Amino acid sequence: MIWEARRKAPEPLPYRQIVALSGILYRDLMAPREEEPGEAKVWMETLALLGRLQGTEDGLERWYGSYVDNLFLENGIVTDAVSRQRLIAEVDRTFGQVSEQQLKHAGGDYSPDPNANRFPQVASTGEQAGSKRVSIRSLFALWERDHLADGKSARTVGDSGKKSRA
């Protein structure tokens, strides 16, 4: 997908797609903290830091630029500078939303985030719509299925291929 993205011409993204991409980040940041949000003080400090970043375009670029670039790369999106800046601003908003929700969790309030549904699903590009994305997990699952179907051991880690002489 990386090389495919490099061959594409940059295209502007509609705002809906920008919000959808920031939703990926929201879910990625929320999921590992469902059971243990950490200390409330950490989230208060995070919100204070995010407040200091507001209005500093260079700060937002340094803070979120790599997240945004990874979102584009992982989704095979090549876009223009304006769309990238818009996504950086939306990612900043999303980090604030995550921090506020985790602060609530740290205080014992596990009620659902009332704004979590604001993120639409990421729209597929025309080229990707007809093709199925393949993950490393799905490749491993296919290998494992074929491996077991061939009568081979489910445990292959540490097997050197030698048969025991019992």
Protein backbone atom coordinates (compact mmCIF):
# COMPACT_ATOMS: atom_id res chain seq x y z
CA MET A 1 0.00 0.00 0.00
CA ILE A 2 2.92 2.36 0.66
CA TRP A 3 4.20 2.16 -2.92
CA GLU A 4 0.67 2.45 -4.26
CA ALA A 5 0.21 5.66 -2.27
CA ARG A 6 3.48 7.06 -3.61
CA ARG A 7 2.21 6.68 -7.18
CA LYS A 8 -0.98 8.66 -6.48
CA ALA A 9 -1.37 12.36 -7.12
CA PRO A 10 -2.22 14.45 -4.04
CA GLU A 11 -5.94 15.07 -3.66
CA PRO A 12 -7.74 17.35 -1.19
CA LEU A 13 -9.77 15.57 1.48
CA PRO A 14 -13.34 16.47 2.38
CA TYR A 15 -13.82 17.45 6.00
CA ARG A 16 -15.88 14.31 6.69
CA GLN A 17 -12.87 12.16 5.73
CA ILE A 18 -10.61 14.27 7.93
CA VAL A 19 -12.88 13.74 10.94
CA ALA A 20 -13.12 10.03 10.11
CA LEU A 21 -9.32 9.73 10.10
CA SER A 22 -9.09 11.43 13.49
CA GLY A 23 -11.66 8.88 14.69
CA ILE A 24 -9.16 6.12 13.97
CA LEU A 25 -6.74 7.85 16.28
CA TYR A 26 -9.47 8.35 18.91
CA ARG A 27 -10.27 4.62 18.98
CA ASP A 28 -6.57 3.69 19.00
CA LEU A 29 -5.94 5.94 22.01
CA MET A 30 -9.06 4.97 23.97
CA ALA A 31 -8.95 1.18 23.59
CA PRO A 32 -5.81 0.40 25.63
CA ARG A 33 -6.99 2.64 28.47
CA GLU A 34 -10.45 1.16 28.96
CA GLU A 35 -9.57 -0.71 32.14
CA GLU A 36 -6.90 1.59 33.54
CA PRO A 37 -6.93 5.27 32.63
CA GLY A 38 -4.05 6.22 34.91
CA GLU A 39 -3.91 9.10 37.35
CA ALA A 40 -6.21 12.09 36.98
CA LYS A 41 -3.23 14.42 37.41
CA VAL A 42 -1.67 13.07 34.20
CA TRP A 43 -4.80 13.95 32.23
CA MET A 44 -5.05 17.39 33.83
CA GLU A 45 -1.44 18.07 32.83
CA THR A 46 -2.13 16.75 29.34
CA LEU A 47 -5.09 19.09 28.96
CA ALA A 48 -2.96 22.00 30.20
CA LEU A 49 -0.26 21.12 27.66
CA LEU A 50 -2.84 20.90 24.88
CA GLY A 51 -4.11 24.33 25.92
CA ARG A 52 -0.61 25.77 25.58
CA LEU A 53 -0.31 24.27 22.09
CA GLN A 54 -3.44 26.09 20.90
CA GLY A 55 -2.64 28.87 18.50
CA THR A 56 0.91 27.68 17.86
CA GLU A 57 0.82 26.17 14.39
CA ASP A 58 4.46 25.11 14.63
CA GLY A 59 3.75 23.41 17.96
CA LEU A 60 0.82 21.50 16.52
CA GLU A 61 2.96 20.38 13.57
CA ARG A 62 5.73 19.12 15.85
CA TRP A 63 3.26 17.47 18.23
CA TYR A 64 0.94 15.83 15.70
CA GLY A 65 2.73 15.79 12.35
CA SER A 66 3.99 12.21 12.66
CA TYR A 67 0.54 10.95 13.79
CA VAL A 68 -1.05 12.58 10.76
CA ASP A 69 1.58 11.25 8.36
CA ASN A 70 1.10 7.73 9.75
CA LEU A 71 -2.69 7.98 9.37
CA PHE A 72 -2.23 8.94 5.72
CA LEU A 73 0.33 6.20 5.12
CA GLU A 74 -1.70 3.46 6.84
CA ASN A 75 -4.79 4.39 4.84
CA GLY A 76 -3.03 4.84 1.49
CA ILE A 77 -3.98 8.50 1.29
CA VAL A 78 -1.98 11.11 -0.58
CA THR A 79 -3.32 14.58 0.03
CA ASP A 80 -2.45 18.24 -0.21
CA ALA A 81 -0.92 20.52 2.42
CA VAL A 82 -4.23 22.20 3.26
CA SER A 83 -5.92 18.87 4.06
CA ARG A 84 -2.91 17.83 6.13
CA GLN A 85 -3.14 21.04 8.18
CA ARG A 86 -6.88 20.52 8.65
CA LEU A 87 -6.23 16.98 9.91
CA ILE A 88 -3.56 18.26 12.31
CA ALA A 89 -6.14 20.65 13.78
CA GLU A 90 -8.72 17.86 14.03
CA VAL A 91 -6.21 15.51 15.67
CA ASP A 92 -5.54 18.22 18.26
CA ARG A 93 -9.27 18.37 18.97
CA THR A 94 -9.35 14.55 19.20
CA PHE A 95 -6.45 14.43 21.68
CA GLY A 96 -8.40 16.90 23.83
CA GLN A 97 -11.48 14.70 23.65
CA VAL A 98 -9.47 11.61 24.64
CA SER A 99 -7.84 13.47 27.53
CA GLU A 100 -11.16 14.78 28.85
CA GLN A 101 -12.74 11.32 28.68
CA GLN A 102 -9.76 9.68 30.38
CA LEU A 103 -9.86 12.32 33.11
CA LYS A 104 -13.48 11.34 33.74
CA HIS A 105 -12.49 7.66 33.85
CA ALA A 106 -9.67 8.43 36.27
CA GLY A 107 -12.29 10.01 38.54
CA GLY A 108 -14.46 6.89 38.43
CA ASP A 109 -16.92 8.11 35.77
CA TYR A 110 -17.08 5.40 33.12
CA SER A 111 -20.15 6.75 31.34
CA PRO A 112 -19.83 6.62 27.56
CA ASP A 113 -18.24 9.55 25.78
CA PRO A 114 -21.24 11.54 24.50
CA ASN A 115 -19.15 12.76 21.55
CA ALA A 116 -17.64 9.43 20.49
CA ASN A 117 -20.21 9.03 17.72
CA ARG A 118 -19.05 12.18 15.98
CA PHE A 119 -16.50 10.19 13.98
CA PRO A 120 -17.82 8.75 10.69
CA GLN A 121 -16.30 5.65 9.14
CA VAL A 122 -13.30 6.19 6.88
CA ALA A 123 -14.41 6.21 3.25
CA SER A 124 -12.50 3.96 0.92
CA THR A 125 -10.81 5.46 -2.07
CA GLY A 126 -12.14 4.25 -5.40
CA GLU A 127 -9.13 2.05 -5.98
CA GLN A 128 -9.32 0.47 -2.54
CA ALA A 129 -13.09 -0.04 -2.57
CA GLY A 130 -12.86 -3.10 -4.81
CA SER A 131 -9.85 -4.63 -3.12
CA LYS A 132 -9.65 -6.31 0.24
CA ARG A 133 -7.01 -5.08 2.67
CA VAL A 134 -4.75 -7.80 3.98
CA SER A 135 -3.32 -7.58 7.46
CA ILE A 136 -0.45 -9.56 8.90
CA ARG A 137 -2.92 -11.26 11.24
CA SER A 138 -5.10 -12.44 8.37
CA LEU A 139 -2.02 -13.73 6.54
CA PHE A 140 -0.94 -15.63 9.65
CA ALA A 141 -4.44 -17.07 10.09
CA LEU A 142 -4.37 -18.37 6.51
CA TRP A 143 -0.92 -19.88 7.03
CA GLU A 144 -2.00 -21.48 10.31
CA ARG A 145 -5.13 -22.96 8.70
CA ASP A 146 -3.09 -24.49 5.86
CA HIS A 147 -0.36 -25.62 8.25
CA LEU A 148 -2.82 -27.51 10.44
CA ALA A 149 -4.71 -28.87 7.42
CA ASP A 150 -1.45 -30.45 6.24
CA GLY A 151 -1.36 -32.43 9.50
CA LYS A 152 1.46 -30.41 10.98
CA SER A 153 1.76 -29.61 14.64
CA ALA A 154 -0.04 -26.58 16.04
CA ARG A 155 3.10 -25.87 18.02
CA THR A 156 5.87 -24.86 15.66
CA VAL A 157 7.83 -22.50 17.88
CA GLY A 158 11.02 -24.20 18.88
CA ASP A 159 10.42 -27.20 16.59
CA SER A 160 13.51 -27.82 14.56
CA GLY A 161 11.86 -30.23 12.18
CA LYS A 162 13.50 -33.26 13.83
CA LYS A 163 11.38 -36.21 14.86
CA SER A 164 11.90 -37.64 18.30
CA ARG A 165 13.49 -41.08 18.61
CA ALA A 166 11.19 -42.56 21.20
